[in-house]
Amino acid sequence: MSLTGIASAVANRRRRQEAHRLTAPQWRPIGPLTVEVISDRLLVSRGDEYGSVWLASVVGLRADALGHALDRSFDADPPFRFEGPDVPRLEAILVDLLDPDAAVAGRR
């Protein structure tokens, strides 16, 4: 391989790595939230701002090893990350609503 080919391969690799870094989820803290779970939606509010997400659109839940953070993935929206002392309770509620069989079997 020529010197030009090697330089081009290195530059391409760096561009791919930078593109991957830019497309990776980037969590931005927005402060304390109020989260309410109803039978088919998750209601989130912060101050005067409100939002809701249909539970049917949740395609994944992932808790960190210590249970202090919960990542939720959706079929058409960006992921959310919840952090704080109430994360284990929120995870239990969501698992019960999203997958009752797993909740009954104790597979959380």
Protein backbone atom coordinates (compact mmCIF):
# COMPACT_ATOMS: atom_id res chain seq x y z
CA MET A 1 0.00 0.00 0.00
CA SER A 2 1.38 3.41 -0.88
CA LEU A 3 1.92 6.23 1.56
CA THR A 4 -1.07 8.07 0.07
CA GLY A 5 -3.29 5.02 0.57
CA ILE A 6 -2.23 4.68 4.21
CA ALA A 7 -2.83 8.38 4.88
CA SER A 8 -6.26 8.13 3.25
CA ALA A 9 -7.18 5.05 5.31
CA VAL A 10 -6.14 6.80 8.54
CA ALA A 11 -8.15 9.91 7.64
CA ASN A 12 -11.22 7.81 6.77
CA ARG A 13 -10.97 5.93 10.04
CA ARG A 14 -10.78 9.19 12.00
CA ARG A 15 -13.84 10.55 10.15
CA ARG A 16 -15.81 7.36 10.90
CA GLN A 17 -14.83 7.49 14.58
CA GLU A 18 -15.86 11.16 14.83
CA ALA A 19 -19.19 10.46 13.09
CA HIS A 20 -19.84 7.57 15.49
CA ARG A 21 -19.03 9.76 18.49
CA LEU A 22 -21.41 12.47 17.29
CA THR A 23 -24.29 10.04 16.75
CA ALA A 24 -23.91 8.28 20.12
CA PRO A 25 -26.52 9.19 22.76
CA GLN A 26 -25.50 12.26 24.70
CA TRP A 27 -27.28 12.69 27.99
CA ARG A 28 -28.08 16.26 28.92
CA PRO A 29 -29.19 16.88 32.49
CA ILE A 30 -32.37 18.95 32.60
CA GLY A 31 -32.96 18.90 36.34
CA PRO A 32 -35.63 17.38 38.55
CA LEU A 33 -38.72 15.97 36.86
CA THR A 34 -42.09 14.79 38.03
CA VAL A 35 -42.94 11.41 36.50
CA GLU A 36 -46.42 9.91 36.62
CA VAL A 37 -47.21 6.49 35.25
CA ILE A 38 -50.74 5.74 34.12
CA SER A 39 -52.00 2.58 32.48
CA ASP A 40 -50.92 3.44 28.93
CA ARG A 41 -48.67 6.51 29.16
CA LEU A 42 -45.77 8.02 31.02
CA LEU A 43 -46.37 11.67 31.92
CA VAL A 44 -43.29 13.83 32.53
CA SER A 45 -43.33 17.41 33.76
CA ARG A 46 -40.73 19.99 34.65
CA GLY A 47 -42.01 23.30 35.87
CA ASP A 48 -44.64 24.47 33.37
CA GLU A 49 -43.51 22.03 30.66
CA TYR A 50 -45.34 18.73 30.16
CA GLY A 51 -44.84 15.76 27.92
CA SER A 52 -46.15 12.24 27.58
CA VAL A 53 -44.98 9.04 25.99
CA TRP A 54 -47.13 6.07 25.06
CA LEU A 55 -45.89 2.97 26.85
CA ALA A 56 -46.53 1.00 23.66
CA SER A 57 -43.69 2.99 22.01
CA VAL A 58 -41.11 1.77 24.56
CA VAL A 59 -38.82 -0.74 22.86
CA GLY A 60 -36.22 -1.14 25.59
CA LEU A 61 -35.40 -0.57 29.24
CA ARG A 62 -31.89 -0.81 30.63
CA ALA A 63 -30.87 -0.12 34.21
CA ASP A 64 -27.29 0.46 35.26
CA ALA A 65 -25.62 -2.11 37.50
CA LEU A 66 -26.30 -0.13 40.69
CA GLY A 67 -29.89 0.73 39.83
CA HIS A 68 -29.28 4.48 39.88
CA ALA A 69 -30.09 5.12 36.21
CA LEU A 70 -32.71 3.82 33.80
CA ASP A 71 -32.40 4.24 30.02
CA ARG A 72 -35.56 3.94 27.94
CA SER A 73 -35.55 3.50 24.19
CA PHE A 74 -38.48 4.28 21.91
CA ASP A 75 -39.44 3.20 18.44
CA ALA A 76 -39.56 6.77 17.03
CA ASP A 77 -38.21 9.15 19.71
CA PRO A 78 -34.78 9.78 21.25
CA PRO A 79 -33.96 7.78 24.39
CA PHE A 80 -34.51 9.10 27.92
CA ARG A 81 -32.29 8.53 30.93
CA PHE A 82 -33.74 8.81 34.42
CA GLU A 83 -31.36 9.08 37.37
CA GLY A 84 -32.04 9.31 41.07
CA PRO A 85 -33.24 7.47 44.13
CA ASP A 86 -36.65 6.60 42.67
CA VAL A 87 -35.25 4.80 39.60
CA PRO A 88 -35.71 1.26 41.04
CA ARG A 89 -39.37 1.99 41.79
CA LEU A 90 -39.94 3.48 38.32
CA GLU A 91 -38.24 0.46 36.74
CA ALA A 92 -40.45 -1.95 38.70
CA ILE A 93 -43.61 -0.11 37.66
CA LEU A 94 -42.61 0.01 34.00
CA VAL A 95 -41.65 -3.67 33.94
CA ASP A 96 -45.00 -4.55 35.53
CA LEU A 97 -46.85 -2.56 32.86
CA LEU A 98 -44.70 -3.52 29.87
CA ASP A 99 -44.02 -7.18 30.65
CA PRO A 100 -46.30 -8.58 33.38
CA ASP A 101 -44.98 -12.13 32.82
CA ALA A 102 -41.41 -11.05 33.62
CA ALA A 103 -42.59 -9.15 36.69
CA VAL A 104 -44.47 -12.16 38.03
CA ALA A 105 -41.50 -14.45 37.37
CA GLY A 106 -39.20 -11.98 39.11
CA ARG A 107 -37.04 -11.42 36.03
CA ARG A 108 -36.46 -7.68 36.19
